[in-house]
């Protein structure tokens, strides 16, 4: 009888270890080999680890997301940063305290960010949802490029959008790196 109890205990322990073993977990909040979560493992392969981890962990859906899901979350982060840049542009234009050259650059940037929010981001989201990461990458790269072009519009004058443009570029760079992991 004692041997039977011992055998049951050993079977229970082995089964429990197998069920909760790190290598059997496959979602973002779960532990993967080497004690890393999918978020940490994915973000290690991006140009800005801290931004990546912080952005993904701020979304509760990341704890159950796969790499494609993490990519979608980062597309939404990029979109939020682009919308913030667009809002800042509108604030600056409505204040009316900008020179003619800055106003021209701001109006150009407004058009660029309109394209990001209305075309590039939806294109990237749709592509990732359909399982077409290359097309998704293209949409995010376009957003990244528009932020760069916006900053360049201010050549010769101080850009009031440097912080916002950098935020969009950095988020987009992380997003592109995650999406490339799907290729």
Protein backbone atom coordinates (compact mmCIF):
# COMPACT_ATOMS: atom_id res chain seq x y z
CA UNK A 1 0.00 0.00 0.00
CA UNK A 2 2.85 2.39 0.83
CA UNK A 3 4.46 1.66 -2.53
CA UNK A 4 1.17 2.46 -4.28
CA UNK A 5 0.94 5.83 -2.47
CA UNK A 6 4.54 6.60 -3.38
CA UNK A 7 3.92 5.67 -7.00
CA UNK A 8 0.83 7.92 -7.13
CA UNK A 9 2.80 10.79 -5.60
CA UNK A 10 5.61 10.38 -8.13
CA UNK A 11 3.13 10.23 -11.03
CA UNK A 12 1.38 13.36 -9.73
CA UNK A 13 4.68 15.27 -9.43
CA UNK A 14 5.92 14.21 -12.86
CA UNK A 15 2.57 15.10 -14.46
CA UNK A 16 2.52 18.49 -12.73
CA UNK A 17 6.07 19.27 -13.83
CA UNK A 18 5.25 18.30 -17.41
CA UNK A 19 2.08 20.42 -17.51
CA UNK A 20 3.70 23.60 -16.17
CA UNK A 21 7.12 23.14 -17.69
CA UNK A 22 8.47 26.34 -19.28
CA UNK A 23 8.90 24.70 -22.67
CA UNK A 24 5.19 23.85 -22.85
CA UNK A 25 4.12 27.51 -22.72
CA UNK A 26 3.58 29.41 -25.96
CA UNK A 27 2.03 32.78 -25.25
CA UNK A 28 3.47 36.21 -24.48
CA UNK A 29 2.99 36.12 -20.71
CA UNK A 30 4.15 32.55 -20.39
CA UNK A 31 7.69 31.49 -19.70
CA UNK A 32 9.69 30.18 -22.63
CA UNK A 33 12.99 28.33 -22.68
CA UNK A 34 15.73 30.20 -20.85
CA UNK A 35 13.14 31.78 -18.51
CA UNK A 36 12.06 34.54 -20.93
CA UNK A 37 8.51 35.52 -21.84
CA UNK A 38 7.50 35.79 -25.48
CA UNK A 39 7.43 39.56 -25.04
CA UNK A 40 11.03 39.60 -23.80
CA UNK A 41 12.20 37.16 -26.46
CA UNK A 42 10.45 39.10 -29.22
CA UNK A 43 11.65 42.49 -27.97
CA UNK A 44 15.26 41.29 -27.80
CA UNK A 45 15.17 41.32 -31.61
CA UNK A 46 14.06 44.94 -31.90
CA UNK A 47 16.08 48.17 -31.99
CA UNK A 48 14.55 49.44 -28.73
CA UNK A 49 14.03 46.69 -26.15
CA UNK A 50 12.71 48.98 -23.40
CA UNK A 51 10.18 50.73 -25.62
CA UNK A 52 9.04 47.36 -26.95
CA UNK A 53 8.56 45.73 -23.54
CA UNK A 54 6.93 48.81 -22.02
CA UNK A 55 4.54 49.24 -24.96
CA UNK A 56 3.53 45.59 -25.13
CA UNK A 57 3.14 45.09 -21.38
CA UNK A 58 0.88 48.15 -21.22
CA UNK A 59 -1.70 46.24 -23.28
CA UNK A 60 -3.41 43.40 -21.36
CA UNK A 61 -3.95 41.47 -24.61
CA UNK A 62 -0.18 40.98 -24.91
CA UNK A 63 -0.19 38.39 -22.14
CA UNK A 64 -2.01 35.91 -24.39
CA UNK A 65 -0.75 37.10 -27.79
CA UNK A 66 1.50 35.25 -30.20
CA UNK A 67 4.15 37.14 -32.23
CA UNK A 68 1.57 38.24 -34.81
CA UNK A 69 -0.61 39.54 -31.99
CA UNK A 70 2.35 41.43 -30.52
CA UNK A 71 2.92 42.94 -33.97
CA UNK A 72 -0.70 44.08 -34.11
CA UNK A 73 -0.39 45.66 -30.67
CA UNK A 74 2.70 47.56 -31.79
CA UNK A 75 0.93 48.75 -34.95
CA UNK A 76 -1.72 50.21 -32.65
CA UNK A 77 0.99 51.83 -30.52
CA UNK A 78 2.47 53.37 -33.67
CA UNK A 79 -1.00 54.57 -34.66
CA UNK A 80 -1.51 56.20 -31.25
CA UNK A 81 1.81 58.01 -31.60
CA UNK A 82 0.87 59.18 -35.11
CA UNK A 83 -2.49 60.46 -33.81
CA UNK A 84 -0.66 62.31 -31.03
CA UNK A 85 1.60 63.92 -33.64
CA UNK A 86 -1.43 64.88 -35.71
CA UNK A 87 -3.11 66.41 -32.66
CA UNK A 88 0.04 68.39 -31.87
CA UNK A 89 0.12 69.70 -35.45
CA UNK A 90 -3.50 70.84 -35.15
CA UNK A 91 -2.77 72.57 -31.83
CA UNK A 92 0.18 74.42 -33.33
CA UNK A 93 -1.78 75.49 -36.41
CA UNK A 94 -4.77 76.67 -34.36
CA UNK A 95 -2.58 78.73 -32.04
CA UNK A 96 -1.38 80.69 -35.03
CA UNK A 97 1.96 81.60 -33.46
CA UNK A 98 4.16 80.02 -36.12
CA UNK A 99 6.12 81.61 -38.93
CA UNK A 100 5.23 81.13 -42.58
CA UNK A 101 7.91 78.46 -43.13
CA UNK A 102 6.83 76.51 -40.03
CA UNK A 103 3.18 76.78 -41.02
CA UNK A 104 3.95 75.38 -44.47
CA UNK A 105 5.89 72.49 -42.90
CA UNK A 106 3.10 71.83 -40.38
CA UNK A 107 0.49 71.69 -43.14
CA UNK A 108 2.65 69.26 -45.08
CA UNK A 109 3.11 67.14 -41.95
CA UNK A 110 -0.64 67.20 -41.35
CA UNK A 111 -1.15 65.60 -44.75
CA UNK A 112 1.57 63.02 -44.10
CA UNK A 113 0.10 61.98 -40.76
CA UNK A 114 -3.36 61.84 -42.32
CA UNK A 115 -1.98 59.23 -44.73
CA UNK A 116 -0.41 57.31 -41.82
CA UNK A 117 -3.61 57.23 -39.77
CA UNK A 118 -6.08 56.68 -42.62
CA UNK A 119 -4.05 54.43 -44.95
CA UNK A 120 -0.76 53.04 -43.63
CA UNK A 121 -1.98 51.82 -40.23
CA UNK A 122 -5.22 50.21 -41.48
CA UNK A 123 -3.22 48.57 -44.28
CA UNK A 124 -0.75 47.11 -41.77
CA UNK A 125 -3.51 45.89 -39.45
CA UNK A 126 -5.43 44.24 -42.27
CA UNK A 127 -2.31 42.59 -43.65
CA UNK A 128 -1.30 41.16 -40.28
CA UNK A 129 -4.81 39.89 -39.60
CA UNK A 130 -4.79 38.18 -43.01
CA UNK A 131 -1.40 36.59 -42.35
CA UNK A 132 0.54 38.75 -44.83
CA UNK A 133 3.41 40.14 -42.72
CA UNK A 134 5.35 41.52 -45.72
CA UNK A 135 2.46 43.80 -46.68
CA UNK A 136 2.04 44.71 -43.00
CA UNK A 137 5.71 45.62 -42.82
CA UNK A 138 5.30 47.89 -45.84
CA UNK A 139 2.49 49.84 -44.14
CA UNK A 140 4.52 50.36 -40.98
CA UNK A 141 7.64 51.34 -42.93
CA UNK A 142 5.53 53.95 -44.74
CA UNK A 143 4.49 55.38 -41.37
CA UNK A 144 8.12 55.47 -40.29
CA UNK A 145 9.10 57.22 -43.52
CA UNK A 146 6.33 59.82 -43.19
CA UNK A 147 7.63 60.78 -39.72
CA UNK A 148 11.10 61.20 -41.19
CA UNK A 149 9.80 63.28 -44.10
CA UNK A 150 7.79 65.43 -41.71
CA UNK A 151 10.90 66.25 -39.69
CA UNK A 152 12.78 67.09 -42.88
CA UNK A 153 10.07 69.61 -43.81
CA UNK A 154 11.49 71.88 -41.10
CA UNK A 155 14.94 72.23 -42.67
CA UNK A 156 16.24 75.67 -41.85
CA UNK A 157 13.81 76.22 -38.96
CA UNK A 158 13.37 74.55 -35.59
CA UNK A 159 10.93 71.67 -35.72
CA UNK A 160 8.23 71.77 -33.04
CA UNK A 161 7.50 68.10 -33.81
CA UNK A 162 10.86 66.45 -33.18
CA UNK A 163 9.62 64.61 -30.09
CA UNK A 164 6.46 63.38 -31.83
CA UNK A 165 8.25 62.40 -35.05
CA UNK A 166 10.87 60.48 -33.06
CA UNK A 167 8.14 58.71 -31.09
CA UNK A 168 6.46 57.57 -34.30
CA UNK A 169 9.75 56.50 -35.89
CA UNK A 170 10.84 54.58 -32.78
CA UNK A 171 7.51 52.79 -32.38
CA UNK A 172 7.44 51.97 -36.09
CA UNK A 173 11.01 50.63 -35.99
CA UNK A 174 10.06 48.27 -33.15
CA UNK A 175 6.92 47.24 -35.03
CA UNK A 176 8.84 46.52 -38.22
CA UNK A 177 11.33 44.37 -36.27
CA UNK A 178 8.49 42.35 -34.73
CA UNK A 179 6.69 41.92 -38.05
CA UNK A 180 9.93 40.80 -39.70
CA UNK A 181 10.05 37.94 -37.19
CA UNK A 182 6.95 36.60 -38.94
CA UNK A 183 8.61 36.43 -42.36
